[in-house]
Structures are given as C-alpha cells and as structure tokens.
Amino acid sequence: AMQTDFFVRVQVDRIDDPQALGEWVEK
C-alpha cells in the first residue's frame, strides 16, 4: 500500500451553496 484514498458521499440541501459545501469539507 502506498496510500489510503477516501470516497465520501454527502446528502445536502443544495449543491449551489459553496459556503455550506466548504463547511462540509472542513467537518
């Protein structure tokens, strides 16, 4: 193994809200 990759799926209210999506990334 060289690395572990992560695939994450998130249910959100709207995808055109970069502020909220950025907060998800941080969490």
PDB file of all heavy atoms in Angstrom:
ATOM      1  N   ALA A   1       0.840  -1.194   0.000  1.00  0.00           N
ATOM      2  CA  ALA A   1       0.000   0.000   0.000  1.00  0.00           C
ATOM      3  C   ALA A   1       0.874   1.242   0.000  1.00  0.00           C
ATOM      4  O   ALA A   1       1.855   1.318   0.743  1.00  0.00           O
ATOM      5  CB  ALA A   1      -0.913   0.005   1.219  1.00  0.00           C
ATOM      6  N   MET A   2       0.540   2.198  -0.851  1.00  0.00           N
ATOM      7  CA  MET A   2       1.238   3.487  -0.854  1.00  0.00           C
ATOM      8  C   MET A   2       0.428   4.537  -0.121  1.00  0.00           C
ATOM      9  O   MET A   2       0.977   5.456   0.465  1.00  0.00           O
ATOM     10  CB  MET A   2       1.457   3.950  -2.292  1.00  0.00           C
ATOM     11  CG  MET A   2       2.497   3.134  -3.047  1.00  0.00           C
ATOM     12  SD  MET A   2       2.626   3.769  -4.734  1.00  0.00           S
ATOM     13  CE  MET A   2       2.934   5.505  -4.381  1.00  0.00           C
ATOM     14  N   GLN A   3      -0.899   4.426  -0.195  1.00  0.00           N
ATOM     15  CA  GLN A   3      -1.761   5.448   0.397  1.00  0.00           C
ATOM     16  C   GLN A   3      -3.161   4.883   0.566  1.00  0.00           C
ATOM     17  O   GLN A   3      -3.513   3.870  -0.036  1.00  0.00           O
ATOM     18  CB  GLN A   3      -1.821   6.678  -0.507  1.00  0.00           C
ATOM     19  CG  GLN A   3      -2.491   6.395  -1.838  1.00  0.00           C
ATOM     20  CD  GLN A   3      -2.268   7.503  -2.854  1.00  0.00           C
ATOM     21  OE1 GLN A   3      -1.137   7.953  -3.051  1.00  0.00           O
ATOM     22  NE2 GLN A   3      -3.337   7.938  -3.507  1.00  0.00           N
ATOM     23  N   THR A   4      -3.942   5.553   1.394  1.00  0.00           N
ATOM     24  CA  THR A   4      -5.364   5.258   1.508  1.00  0.00           C
ATOM     25  C   THR A   4      -6.135   6.447   0.952  1.00  0.00           C
ATOM     26  O   THR A   4      -5.876   7.585   1.340  1.00  0.00           O
ATOM     27  CB  THR A   4      -5.760   4.985   2.973  1.00  0.00           C
ATOM     28  OG1 THR A   4      -5.090   3.800   3.415  1.00  0.00           O
ATOM     29  CG2 THR A   4      -7.265   4.771   3.102  1.00  0.00           C
ATOM     30  N   ASP A   5      -7.025   6.162   0.003  1.00  0.00           N
ATOM     31  CA  ASP A   5      -7.884   7.191  -0.579  1.00  0.00           C
ATOM     32  C   ASP A   5      -9.275   7.071   0.040  1.00  0.00           C
ATOM     33  O   ASP A   5      -9.708   5.976   0.407  1.00  0.00           O
ATOM     34  CB  ASP A   5      -7.996   7.021  -2.095  1.00  0.00           C
ATOM     35  CG  ASP A   5      -6.656   7.226  -2.807  1.00  0.00           C
ATOM     36  OD1 ASP A   5      -5.831   8.013  -2.311  1.00  0.00           O
ATOM     37  OD2 ASP A   5      -6.448   6.597  -3.861  1.00  0.00           O
ATOM     38  N   PHE A   6      -9.953   8.209   0.151  1.00  0.00           N
ATOM     39  CA  PHE A   6     -11.278   8.238   0.769  1.00  0.00           C
ATOM     40  C   PHE A   6     -12.313   8.762  -0.217  1.00  0.00           C
ATOM     41  O   PHE A   6     -12.072   9.766  -0.897  1.00  0.00           O
ATOM     42  CB  PHE A   6     -11.257   9.135   2.015  1.00  0.00           C
ATOM     43  CG  PHE A   6     -10.343   8.616   3.084  1.00  0.00           C
ATOM     44  CD1 PHE A   6      -9.040   9.070   3.185  1.00  0.00           C
ATOM     45  CD2 PHE A   6     -10.778   7.639   3.976  1.00  0.00           C
ATOM     46  CE1 PHE A   6      -8.184   8.571   4.166  1.00  0.00           C
ATOM     47  CE2 PHE A   6      -9.929   7.141   4.956  1.00  0.00           C
ATOM     48  CZ  PHE A   6      -8.636   7.606   5.045  1.00  0.00           C
ATOM     49  N   PHE A   7     -13.424   8.074  -0.295  1.00  0.00           N
ATOM     50  CA  PHE A   7     -14.535   8.475  -1.156  1.00  0.00           C
ATOM     51  C   PHE A   7     -15.727   8.759  -0.252  1.00  0.00           C
ATOM     52  O   PHE A   7     -16.169   7.880   0.482  1.00  0.00           O
ATOM     53  CB  PHE A   7     -14.852   7.371  -2.160  1.00  0.00           C
ATOM     54  CG  PHE A   7     -13.662   7.038  -3.022  1.00  0.00           C
ATOM     55  CD1 PHE A   7     -12.746   6.077  -2.618  1.00  0.00           C
ATOM     56  CD2 PHE A   7     -13.425   7.728  -4.201  1.00  0.00           C
ATOM     57  CE1 PHE A   7     -11.623   5.794  -3.386  1.00  0.00           C
ATOM     58  CE2 PHE A   7     -12.308   7.459  -4.975  1.00  0.00           C
ATOM     59  CZ  PHE A   7     -11.411   6.490  -4.577  1.00  0.00           C
ATOM     60  N   VAL A   8     -16.195  10.000  -0.286  1.00  0.00           N
ATOM     61  CA  VAL A   8     -17.185  10.451   0.682  1.00  0.00           C
ATOM     62  C   VAL A   8     -18.414  10.964  -0.060  1.00  0.00           C
ATOM     63  O   VAL A   8     -18.287  11.761  -0.992  1.00  0.00           O
ATOM     64  CB  VAL A   8     -16.595  11.583   1.563  1.00  0.00           C
ATOM     65  CG1 VAL A   8     -17.583  11.995   2.636  1.00  0.00           C
ATOM     66  CG2 VAL A   8     -15.268  11.146   2.193  1.00  0.00           C
ATOM     67  N   ARG A   9     -19.587  10.490   0.344  1.00  0.00           N
ATOM     68  CA  ARG A   9     -20.841  10.975  -0.238  1.00  0.00           C
ATOM     69  C   ARG A   9     -21.628  11.713   0.840  1.00  0.00           C
ATOM     70  O   ARG A   9     -21.746  11.222   1.960  1.00  0.00           O
ATOM     71  CB  ARG A   9     -21.663   9.798  -0.774  1.00  0.00           C
ATOM     72  CG  ARG A   9     -21.041   9.155  -2.010  1.00  0.00           C
ATOM     73  CD  ARG A   9     -21.881   8.016  -2.549  1.00  0.00           C
ATOM     74  NE  ARG A   9     -22.015   6.906  -1.613  1.00  0.00           N
ATOM     75  CZ  ARG A   9     -21.045   6.036  -1.337  1.00  0.00           C
ATOM     76  NH1 ARG A   9     -19.858   6.156  -1.916  1.00  0.00           N
ATOM     77  NH2 ARG A   9     -21.241   5.057  -0.495  1.00  0.00           N
ATOM     78  N   VAL A  10     -22.143  12.889   0.488  1.00  0.00           N
ATOM     79  CA  VAL A  10     -22.868  13.717   1.452  1.00  0.00           C
ATOM     80  C   VAL A  10     -24.211  14.136   0.866  1.00  0.00           C
ATOM     81  O   VAL A  10     -24.273  14.644  -0.257  1.00  0.00           O
ATOM     82  CB  VAL A  10     -22.080  15.009   1.802  1.00  0.00           C
ATOM     83  CG1 VAL A  10     -22.691  15.669   3.030  1.00  0.00           C
ATOM     84  CG2 VAL A  10     -20.602  14.715   2.019  1.00  0.00           C
ATOM     85  N   GLN A  11     -25.276  13.911   1.633  1.00  0.00           N
ATOM     86  CA  GLN A  11     -26.597  14.416   1.265  1.00  0.00           C
ATOM     87  C   GLN A  11     -26.715  15.849   1.751  1.00  0.00           C
ATOM     88  O   GLN A  11     -26.567  16.104   2.941  1.00  0.00           O
ATOM     89  CB  GLN A  11     -27.684  13.571   1.945  1.00  0.00           C
ATOM     90  CG  GLN A  11     -27.704  12.110   1.515  1.00  0.00           C
ATOM     91  CD  GLN A  11     -28.230  11.937   0.103  1.00  0.00           C
ATOM     92  OE1 GLN A  11     -28.970  12.769  -0.407  1.00  0.00           O
ATOM     93  NE2 GLN A  11     -27.823  10.845  -0.531  1.00  0.00           N
ATOM     94  N   VAL A  12     -26.943  16.786   0.833  1.00  0.00           N
ATOM     95  CA  VAL A  12     -27.056  18.195   1.217  1.00  0.00           C
ATOM     96  C   VAL A  12     -28.380  18.768   0.718  1.00  0.00           C
ATOM     97  O   VAL A  12     -29.080  18.155  -0.085  1.00  0.00           O
ATOM     98  CB  VAL A  12     -25.878  19.025   0.651  1.00  0.00           C
ATOM     99  CG1 VAL A  12     -24.561  18.577   1.271  1.00  0.00           C
ATOM    100  CG2 VAL A  12     -25.808  18.925  -0.870  1.00  0.00           C
ATOM    101  N   ASP A  13     -28.725  19.963   1.217  1.00  0.00           N
ATOM    102  CA  ASP A  13     -29.971  20.622   0.785  1.00  0.00           C
ATOM    103  C   ASP A  13     -29.833  21.175  -0.625  1.00  0.00           C
ATOM    104  O   ASP A  13     -30.731  21.050  -1.442  1.00  0.00           O
ATOM    105  CB  ASP A  13     -30.325  21.763   1.748  1.00  0.00           C
ATOM    106  CG  ASP A  13     -30.599  21.225   3.151  1.00  0.00           C
ATOM    107  OD1 ASP A  13     -31.056  20.070   3.255  1.00  0.00           O
ATOM    108  OD2 ASP A  13     -30.336  21.939   4.131  1.00  0.00           O
ATOM    109  N   ARG A  14     -28.684  21.832  -0.891  1.00  0.00           N
ATOM    110  CA  ARG A  14     -28.466  22.440  -2.208  1.00  0.00           C
ATOM    111  C   ARG A  14     -26.997  22.283  -2.568  1.00  0.00           C
ATOM    112  O   ARG A  14     -26.138  22.387  -1.709  1.00  0.00           O
ATOM    113  CB  ARG A  14     -28.783  23.946  -2.175  1.00  0.00           C
ATOM    114  CG  ARG A  14     -30.024  24.297  -1.410  1.00  0.00           C
ATOM    115  CD  ARG A  14     -30.396  25.781  -1.488  1.00  0.00           C
ATOM    116  NE  ARG A  14     -29.506  26.626  -2.280  1.00  0.00           N
ATOM    117  CZ  ARG A  14     -29.121  27.844  -1.894  1.00  0.00           C
ATOM    118  NH1 ARG A  14     -29.477  28.327  -0.716  1.00  0.00           N
ATOM    119  NH2 ARG A  14     -28.364  28.584  -2.673  1.00  0.00           N
ATOM    120  N   ILE A  15     -26.747  22.050  -3.861  1.00  0.00           N
ATOM    121  CA  ILE A  15     -25.336  21.943  -4.263  1.00  0.00           C
ATOM    122  C   ILE A  15     -24.799  23.284  -4.753  1.00  0.00           C
ATOM    123  O   ILE A  15     -23.621  23.407  -5.052  1.00  0.00           O
ATOM    124  CB  ILE A  15     -25.114  20.871  -5.347  1.00  0.00           C
ATOM    125  CG1 ILE A  15     -25.905  21.192  -6.601  1.00  0.00           C
ATOM    126  CG2 ILE A  15     -25.426  19.483  -4.825  1.00  0.00           C
ATOM    127  CD1 ILE A  15     -25.368  20.488  -7.816  1.00  0.00           C
ATOM    128  N   ASP A  16     -25.672  24.320  -4.859  1.00  0.00           N
ATOM    129  CA  ASP A  16     -25.184  25.610  -5.355  1.00  0.00           C
ATOM    130  C   ASP A  16     -24.918  26.561  -4.187  1.00  0.00           C
ATOM    131  O   ASP A  16     -25.122  27.762  -4.288  1.00  0.00           O
ATOM    132  CB  ASP A  16     -26.191  26.224  -6.334  1.00  0.00           C
ATOM    133  CG  ASP A  16     -27.575  26.392  -5.703  1.00  0.00           C
ATOM    134  OD1 ASP A  16     -27.766  25.931  -4.545  1.00  0.00           O
ATOM    135  OD2 ASP A  16     -28.459  26.964  -6.356  1.00  0.00           O
ATOM    136  N   ASP A  17     -24.453  25.986  -3.091  1.00  0.00           N
ATOM    137  CA  ASP A  17     -24.160  26.771  -1.889  1.00  0.00           C
ATOM    138  C   ASP A  17     -22.723  26.483  -1.462  1.00  0.00           C
ATOM    139  O   ASP A  17     -22.482  25.660  -0.568  1.00  0.00           O
ATOM    140  CB  ASP A  17     -25.155  26.387  -0.785  1.00  0.00           C
ATOM    141  CG  ASP A  17     -24.980  27.221   0.477  1.00  0.00           C
ATOM    142  OD1 ASP A  17     -23.985  27.972   0.573  1.00  0.00           O
ATOM    143  OD2 ASP A  17     -25.833  27.103   1.378  1.00  0.00           O
ATOM    144  N   PRO A  18     -21.742  27.130  -2.129  1.00  0.00           N
ATOM    145  CA  PRO A  18     -20.338  26.810  -1.859  1.00  0.00           C
ATOM    146  C   PRO A  18     -19.933  27.025  -0.404  1.00  0.00           C
ATOM    147  O   PRO A  18     -19.058  26.335   0.099  1.00  0.00           O
ATOM    148  CB  PRO A  18     -19.543  27.729  -2.802  1.00  0.00           C
ATOM    149  CG  PRO A  18     -20.517  28.690  -3.366  1.00  0.00           C
ATOM    150  CD  PRO A  18     -21.888  28.133  -3.195  1.00  0.00           C
ATOM    151  N   GLN A  19     -20.589  27.956   0.271  1.00  0.00           N
ATOM    152  CA  GLN A  19     -20.283  28.193   1.686  1.00  0.00           C
ATOM    153  C   GLN A  19     -20.596  26.940   2.507  1.00  0.00           C
ATOM    154  O   GLN A  19     -19.756  26.454   3.269  1.00  0.00           O
ATOM    155  CB  GLN A  19     -21.081  29.393   2.211  1.00  0.00           C
ATOM    156  CG  GLN A  19     -20.887  29.697   3.695  1.00  0.00           C
ATOM    157  CD  GLN A  19     -19.455  30.064   4.063  1.00  0.00           C
ATOM    158  OE1 GLN A  19     -18.709  30.631   3.252  1.00  0.00           O
ATOM    159  NE2 GLN A  19     -19.049  29.734   5.281  1.00  0.00           N
ATOM    160  N   ALA A  20     -21.801  26.404   2.314  1.00  0.00           N
ATOM    161  CA  ALA A  20     -22.208  25.201   3.057  1.00  0.00           C
ATOM    162  C   ALA A  20     -21.346  24.001   2.673  1.00  0.00           C
ATOM    163  O   ALA A  20     -20.934  23.215   3.535  1.00  0.00           O
ATOM    164  CB  ALA A  20     -23.683  24.899   2.793  1.00  0.00           C
ATOM    165  N   LEU A  21     -21.038  23.853   1.394  1.00  0.00           N
ATOM    166  CA  LEU A  21     -20.224  22.711   0.953  1.00  0.00           C
ATOM    167  C   LEU A  21     -18.820  22.814   1.540  1.00  0.00           C
ATOM    168  O   LEU A  21     -18.238  21.803   1.955  1.00  0.00           O
ATOM    169  CB  LEU A  21     -20.178  22.632  -0.577  1.00  0.00           C
ATOM    170  CG  LEU A  21     -21.530  22.462  -1.286  1.00  0.00           C
ATOM    171  CD1 LEU A  21     -21.340  22.172  -2.769  1.00  0.00           C
ATOM    172  CD2 LEU A  21     -22.392  21.375  -0.651  1.00  0.00           C
ATOM    173  N   GLY A  22     -18.281  24.025   1.594  1.00  0.00           N
ATOM    174  CA  GLY A  22     -16.959  24.221   2.201  1.00  0.00           C
ATOM    175  C   GLY A  22     -16.955  23.864   3.676  1.00  0.00           C
ATOM    176  O   GLY A  22     -15.991  23.302   4.192  1.00  0.00           O
ATOM    177  N   GLU A  23     -18.071  24.167   4.346  1.00  0.00           N
ATOM    178  CA  GLU A  23     -18.175  23.794   5.765  1.00  0.00           C
ATOM    179  C   GLU A  23     -18.221  22.276   5.917  1.00  0.00           C
ATOM    180  O   GLU A  23     -17.647  21.718   6.861  1.00  0.00           O
ATOM    181  CB  GLU A  23     -19.406  24.456   6.392  1.00  0.00           C
ATOM    182  CG  GLU A  23     -19.223  25.959   6.575  1.00  0.00           C
ATOM    183  CD  GLU A  23     -20.529  26.703   6.898  1.00  0.00           C
ATOM    184  OE1 GLU A  23     -21.548  26.030   7.192  1.00  0.00           O
ATOM    185  OE2 GLU A  23     -20.519  27.952   6.848  1.00  0.00           O
ATOM    186  N   TRP A  24     -18.885  21.602   4.981  1.00  0.00           N
ATOM    187  CA  TRP A  24     -18.886  20.135   4.981  1.00  0.00           C
ATOM    188  C   TRP A  24     -17.469  19.595   4.816  1.00  0.00           C
ATOM    189  O   TRP A  24     -17.063  18.664   5.511  1.00  0.00           O
ATOM    190  CB  TRP A  24     -19.776  19.589   3.862  1.00  0.00           C
ATOM    191  CG  TRP A  24     -21.204  19.465   4.242  1.00  0.00           C
ATOM    192  CD1 TRP A  24     -22.264  20.182   3.746  1.00  0.00           C
ATOM    193  CD2 TRP A  24     -21.761  18.557   5.214  1.00  0.00           C
ATOM    194  NE1 TRP A  24     -23.422  19.774   4.352  1.00  0.00           N
ATOM    195  CE2 TRP A  24     -23.152  18.793   5.251  1.00  0.00           C
ATOM    196  CE3 TRP A  24     -21.206  17.596   6.058  1.00  0.00           C
ATOM    197  CZ2 TRP A  24     -24.006  18.082   6.095  1.00  0.00           C
ATOM    198  CZ3 TRP A  24     -22.050  16.884   6.896  1.00  0.00           C
ATOM    199  CH2 TRP A  24     -23.425  17.133   6.917  1.00  0.00           C
ATOM    200  N   VAL A  25     -16.732  20.192   3.872  1.00  0.00           N
ATOM    201  CA  VAL A  25     -15.356  19.733   3.642  1.00  0.00           C
ATOM    202  C   VAL A  25     -14.564  19.815   4.944  1.00  0.00           C
ATOM    203  O   VAL A  25     -13.859  18.878   5.337  1.00  0.00           O
ATOM    204  CB  VAL A  25     -14.651  20.577   2.547  1.00  0.00           C
ATOM    205  CG1 VAL A  25     -13.167  20.214   2.456  1.00  0.00           C
ATOM    206  CG2 VAL A  25     -15.339  20.389   1.196  1.00  0.00           C
ATOM    207  N   GLU A  26     -14.710  20.943   5.645  1.00  0.00           N
ATOM    208  CA  GLU A  26     -13.965  21.142   6.880  1.00  0.00           C
ATOM    209  C   GLU A  26     -14.347  20.089   7.926  1.00  0.00           C
ATOM    210  O   GLU A  26     -13.477  19.483   8.571  1.00  0.00           O
ATOM    211  CB  GLU A  26     -14.259  22.545   7.416  1.00  0.00           C
ATOM    212  CG  GLU A  26     -13.374  22.931   8.579  1.00  0.00           C
ATOM    213  CD  GLU A  26     -13.770  24.265   9.194  1.00  0.00           C
ATOM    214  OE1 GLU A  26     -14.551  25.016   8.566  1.00  0.00           O
ATOM    215  OE2 GLU A  26     -13.306  24.530  10.319  1.00  0.00           O
ATOM    216  N   LYS A  27     -15.658  19.836   8.092  1.00  0.00           N
ATOM    217  CA  LYS A  27     -16.110  18.836   9.077  1.00  0.00           C
ATOM    218  C   LYS A  27     -15.589  17.442   8.717  1.00  0.00           C
ATOM    219  O   LYS A  27     -15.186  16.674   9.599  1.00  0.00           O
ATOM    220  CB  LYS A  27     -17.640  18.779   9.115  1.00  0.00           C
ATOM    221  CG  LYS A  27     -18.296  20.003   9.721  1.00  0.00           C
ATOM    222  CD  LYS A  27     -19.826  19.817   9.642  1.00  0.00           C
ATOM    223  CE  LYS A  27     -20.558  21.137   9.626  1.00  0.00           C
ATOM    224  NZ  LYS A  27     -21.952  21.003   9.194  1.00  0.00           N
TER     225      LYS A  27
END
